[in-house]
Amino acid sequence: MLYLLAFFCSPLALLLAGKPFQALANLILYVLSIVCWVTIILYHAGFVLWGIGVLHAVLAISDAREDRRARRIIAAAKRD
């Protein structure tokens, strides 16, 4: 579900994944892409910035999930 949200609103997805500072950086990319889309001349640059933001969000969400999984495995190994 977070990956779908990352496609449409990447800063919100990062915030929900527990990455507030990365969400702020991604928000800057998101706003710049919207500004570029509004200007007819820089339309393609806006699409590229949006794509970079989505890619950043997907990779950060994946990394956060891997970290949580690793912490759970370590905690389970310590209990045994």
N, C-alpha and C. Protein backbone atom coordinates (compact mmCIF):
# COMPACT_ATOMS: atom_id res chain seq x y z
N MET A 1 0.82 -1.19 0.00
CA MET A 1 0.00 0.00 0.00
C MET A 1 0.86 1.26 0.00
N LEU A 2 1.97 1.22 0.74
CA LEU A 2 2.85 2.38 0.76
C LEU A 2 3.49 2.62 -0.61
N TYR A 3 3.74 1.55 -1.34
CA TYR A 3 4.34 1.72 -2.66
C TYR A 3 3.38 2.42 -3.61
N LEU A 4 2.11 2.11 -3.52
CA LEU A 4 1.11 2.79 -4.35
C LEU A 4 1.00 4.25 -3.95
N LEU A 5 1.04 4.52 -2.67
CA LEU A 5 1.00 5.89 -2.19
C LEU A 5 2.27 6.64 -2.62
N ALA A 6 3.40 5.95 -2.67
CA ALA A 6 4.65 6.57 -3.11
C ALA A 6 4.56 7.01 -4.57
N PHE A 7 3.78 6.31 -5.35
CA PHE A 7 3.62 6.68 -6.75
C PHE A 7 2.83 7.98 -6.90
N PHE A 8 1.83 8.19 -6.06
CA PHE A 8 0.98 9.36 -6.19
C PHE A 8 1.42 10.53 -5.30
N CYS A 9 1.87 10.24 -4.10
CA CYS A 9 2.29 11.29 -3.17
C CYS A 9 3.48 10.77 -2.35
N SER A 10 4.65 10.87 -2.93
CA SER A 10 5.83 10.26 -2.32
C SER A 10 6.21 10.85 -0.95
N PRO A 11 6.08 12.15 -0.71
CA PRO A 11 6.44 12.64 0.63
C PRO A 11 5.55 12.07 1.74
N LEU A 12 4.28 11.91 1.46
CA LEU A 12 3.36 11.34 2.45
C LEU A 12 3.70 9.88 2.72
N ALA A 13 4.06 9.15 1.71
CA ALA A 13 4.43 7.74 1.89
C ALA A 13 5.68 7.61 2.76
N LEU A 14 6.65 8.50 2.54
CA LEU A 14 7.85 8.46 3.35
C LEU A 14 7.55 8.84 4.80
N LEU A 15 6.66 9.78 4.99
CA LEU A 15 6.29 10.17 6.34
C LEU A 15 5.61 9.02 7.07
N LEU A 16 4.74 8.31 6.38
CA LEU A 16 4.07 7.17 6.99
C LEU A 16 5.01 5.99 7.23
N ALA A 17 6.10 5.94 6.46
CA ALA A 17 7.08 4.87 6.64
C ALA A 17 8.04 5.18 7.79
N GLY A 18 7.93 6.36 8.38
CA GLY A 18 8.78 6.71 9.51
C GLY A 18 10.09 7.36 9.11
N LYS A 19 10.11 8.03 7.98
CA LYS A 19 11.31 8.72 7.49
C LYS A 19 11.02 10.21 7.31
N PRO A 20 10.94 10.98 8.41
CA PRO A 20 10.51 12.38 8.29
C PRO A 20 11.51 13.28 7.55
N PHE A 21 12.80 13.09 7.75
CA PHE A 21 13.78 13.95 7.08
C PHE A 21 13.85 13.65 5.59
N GLN A 22 13.74 12.39 5.23
CA GLN A 22 13.70 12.04 3.82
C GLN A 22 12.40 12.52 3.17
N ALA A 23 11.32 12.54 3.96
CA ALA A 23 10.06 13.06 3.45
C ALA A 23 10.17 14.54 3.14
N LEU A 24 10.90 15.29 3.97
CA LEU A 24 11.10 16.71 3.73
C LEU A 24 11.90 16.95 2.46
N ALA A 25 12.97 16.18 2.27
CA ALA A 25 13.77 16.29 1.05
C ALA A 25 12.95 15.92 -0.17
N ASN A 26 12.12 14.90 -0.03
CA ASN A 26 11.29 14.47 -1.14
C ASN A 26 10.20 15.49 -1.44
N LEU A 27 9.73 16.18 -0.40
CA LEU A 27 8.73 17.23 -0.61
C LEU A 27 9.30 18.35 -1.46
N ILE A 28 10.56 18.67 -1.25
CA ILE A 28 11.20 19.70 -2.07
C ILE A 28 11.23 19.27 -3.53
N LEU A 29 11.61 18.01 -3.79
CA LEU A 29 11.59 17.49 -5.16
C LEU A 29 10.18 17.51 -5.75
N TYR A 30 9.22 17.15 -4.92
CA TYR A 30 7.82 17.10 -5.36
C TYR A 30 7.32 18.48 -5.76
N VAL A 31 7.61 19.48 -4.94
CA VAL A 31 7.18 20.86 -5.24
C VAL A 31 7.90 21.38 -6.48
N LEU A 32 9.20 21.09 -6.60
CA LEU A 32 9.92 21.52 -7.81
C LEU A 32 9.35 20.88 -9.07
N SER A 33 8.96 19.62 -8.97
CA SER A 33 8.39 18.96 -10.15
C SER A 33 7.05 19.59 -10.54
N ILE A 34 6.25 19.97 -9.54
CA ILE A 34 4.97 20.62 -9.85
C ILE A 34 5.21 21.99 -10.48
N VAL A 35 6.19 22.72 -9.96
CA VAL A 35 6.51 24.03 -10.53
C VAL A 35 6.97 23.88 -11.98
N CYS A 36 7.78 22.88 -12.24
CA CYS A 36 8.25 22.66 -13.62
C CYS A 36 7.11 22.22 -14.54
N TRP A 37 6.16 21.45 -14.00
CA TRP A 37 5.03 21.04 -14.83
C TRP A 37 4.15 22.22 -15.20
N VAL A 38 4.03 23.18 -14.30
CA VAL A 38 3.19 24.34 -14.56
C VAL A 38 3.77 25.18 -15.69
N THR A 39 5.10 25.30 -15.72
CA THR A 39 5.73 26.04 -16.81
C THR A 39 5.80 25.12 -18.02
N ILE A 40 5.33 25.59 -19.12
CA ILE A 40 5.29 24.78 -20.34
C ILE A 40 6.70 24.43 -20.81
N ILE A 41 7.64 25.32 -20.61
CA ILE A 41 9.00 25.13 -21.14
C ILE A 41 9.72 23.99 -20.42
N LEU A 42 9.54 23.88 -19.11
CA LEU A 42 10.27 22.88 -18.33
C LEU A 42 9.41 21.66 -17.99
N TYR A 43 8.46 21.34 -18.84
CA TYR A 43 7.54 20.24 -18.58
C TYR A 43 8.27 18.92 -18.38
N HIS A 44 9.24 18.63 -19.24
CA HIS A 44 9.96 17.35 -19.15
C HIS A 44 10.84 17.28 -17.91
N ALA A 45 11.39 18.41 -17.49
CA ALA A 45 12.21 18.42 -16.28
C ALA A 45 11.33 18.08 -15.06
N GLY A 46 10.09 18.53 -15.07
CA GLY A 46 9.17 18.20 -13.99
C GLY A 46 8.90 16.72 -13.91
N PHE A 47 8.75 16.09 -15.06
CA PHE A 47 8.52 14.65 -15.08
C PHE A 47 9.74 13.90 -14.55
N VAL A 48 10.93 14.35 -14.90
CA VAL A 48 12.15 13.71 -14.42
C VAL A 48 12.28 13.88 -12.91
N LEU A 49 12.01 15.08 -12.39
CA LEU A 49 12.08 15.31 -10.95
C LEU A 49 11.06 14.47 -10.20
N TRP A 50 9.86 14.35 -10.77
CA TRP A 50 8.83 13.52 -10.14
C TRP A 50 9.29 12.05 -10.11
N GLY A 51 9.88 11.59 -11.19
CA GLY A 51 10.37 10.21 -11.26
C GLY A 51 11.47 9.95 -10.25
N ILE A 52 12.36 10.91 -10.08
CA ILE A 52 13.42 10.77 -9.09
C ILE A 52 12.82 10.71 -7.69
N GLY A 53 11.82 11.54 -7.43
CA GLY A 53 11.16 11.53 -6.13
C GLY A 53 10.47 10.20 -5.83
N VAL A 54 9.80 9.66 -6.82
CA VAL A 54 9.12 8.37 -6.65
C VAL A 54 10.14 7.26 -6.43
N LEU A 55 11.21 7.27 -7.20
CA LEU A 55 12.25 6.26 -7.04
C LEU A 55 12.89 6.35 -5.66
N HIS A 56 13.14 7.57 -5.21
CA HIS A 56 13.70 7.77 -3.88
C HIS A 56 12.76 7.24 -2.81
N ALA A 57 11.47 7.50 -2.95
CA ALA A 57 10.50 7.03 -1.96
C ALA A 57 10.41 5.51 -1.93
N VAL A 58 10.38 4.89 -3.08
CA VAL A 58 10.29 3.43 -3.14
C VAL A 58 11.52 2.78 -2.52
N LEU A 59 12.70 3.31 -2.83
CA LEU A 59 13.92 2.74 -2.26
C LEU A 59 14.01 2.97 -0.76
N ALA A 60 13.57 4.13 -0.29
CA ALA A 60 13.61 4.41 1.16
C ALA A 60 12.60 3.54 1.91
N ILE A 61 11.43 3.32 1.34
CA ILE A 61 10.43 2.46 1.99
C ILE A 61 10.93 1.03 2.03
N SER A 62 11.53 0.58 0.95
CA SER A 62 12.09 -0.77 0.92
C SER A 62 13.19 -0.93 1.96
N ASP A 63 14.04 0.08 2.09
CA ASP A 63 15.12 0.04 3.07
C ASP A 63 14.57 0.03 4.50
N ALA A 64 13.53 0.79 4.75
CA ALA A 64 12.92 0.83 6.09
C ALA A 64 12.33 -0.53 6.44
N ARG A 65 11.70 -1.18 5.47
CA ARG A 65 11.12 -2.50 5.73
C ARG A 65 12.21 -3.54 5.98
N GLU A 66 13.31 -3.45 5.24
CA GLU A 66 14.42 -4.38 5.47
C GLU A 66 15.03 -4.18 6.85
N ASP A 67 15.15 -2.92 7.27
CA ASP A 67 15.69 -2.64 8.61
C ASP A 67 14.79 -3.23 9.69
N ARG A 68 13.48 -3.06 9.55
CA ARG A 68 12.55 -3.62 10.54
C ARG A 68 12.63 -5.14 10.58
N ARG A 69 12.73 -5.76 9.41
CA ARG A 69 12.83 -7.21 9.34
C ARG A 69 14.12 -7.69 9.99
N ALA A 70 15.21 -7.00 9.77
CA ALA A 70 16.49 -7.39 10.37
C ALA A 70 16.45 -7.23 11.89
N ARG A 71 15.81 -6.15 12.37
CA ARG A 71 15.69 -5.96 13.82
C ARG A 71 14.86 -7.08 14.46
N ARG A 72 13.79 -7.49 13.78
CA ARG A 72 12.97 -8.59 14.30
C ARG A 72 13.75 -9.89 14.36
N ILE A 73 14.56 -10.16 13.35
CA ILE A 73 15.35 -11.39 13.32
C ILE A 73 16.40 -11.37 14.42
N ILE A 74 17.05 -10.22 14.61
CA ILE A 74 18.05 -10.10 15.67
C ILE A 74 17.42 -10.27 17.04
N ALA A 75 16.26 -9.66 17.24
CA ALA A 75 15.56 -9.77 18.53
C ALA A 75 15.14 -11.21 18.79
N ALA A 76 14.69 -11.92 17.78
CA ALA A 76 14.30 -13.32 17.93
C ALA A 76 15.51 -14.20 18.23
N ALA A 77 16.66 -13.87 17.63
CA ALA A 77 17.86 -14.66 17.87
C ALA A 77 18.37 -14.43 19.28
N LYS A 78 18.21 -13.24 19.81
CA LYS A 78 18.66 -12.96 21.18
C LYS A 78 17.81 -13.67 22.21
N ARG A 79 16.53 -13.86 21.92
CA ARG A 79 15.63 -14.55 22.85
C ARG A 79 15.97 -16.02 23.00
N ASP A 80 16.51 -16.61 21.94
CA ASP A 80 16.81 -18.06 21.98
C ASP A 80 18.03 -18.37 22.74
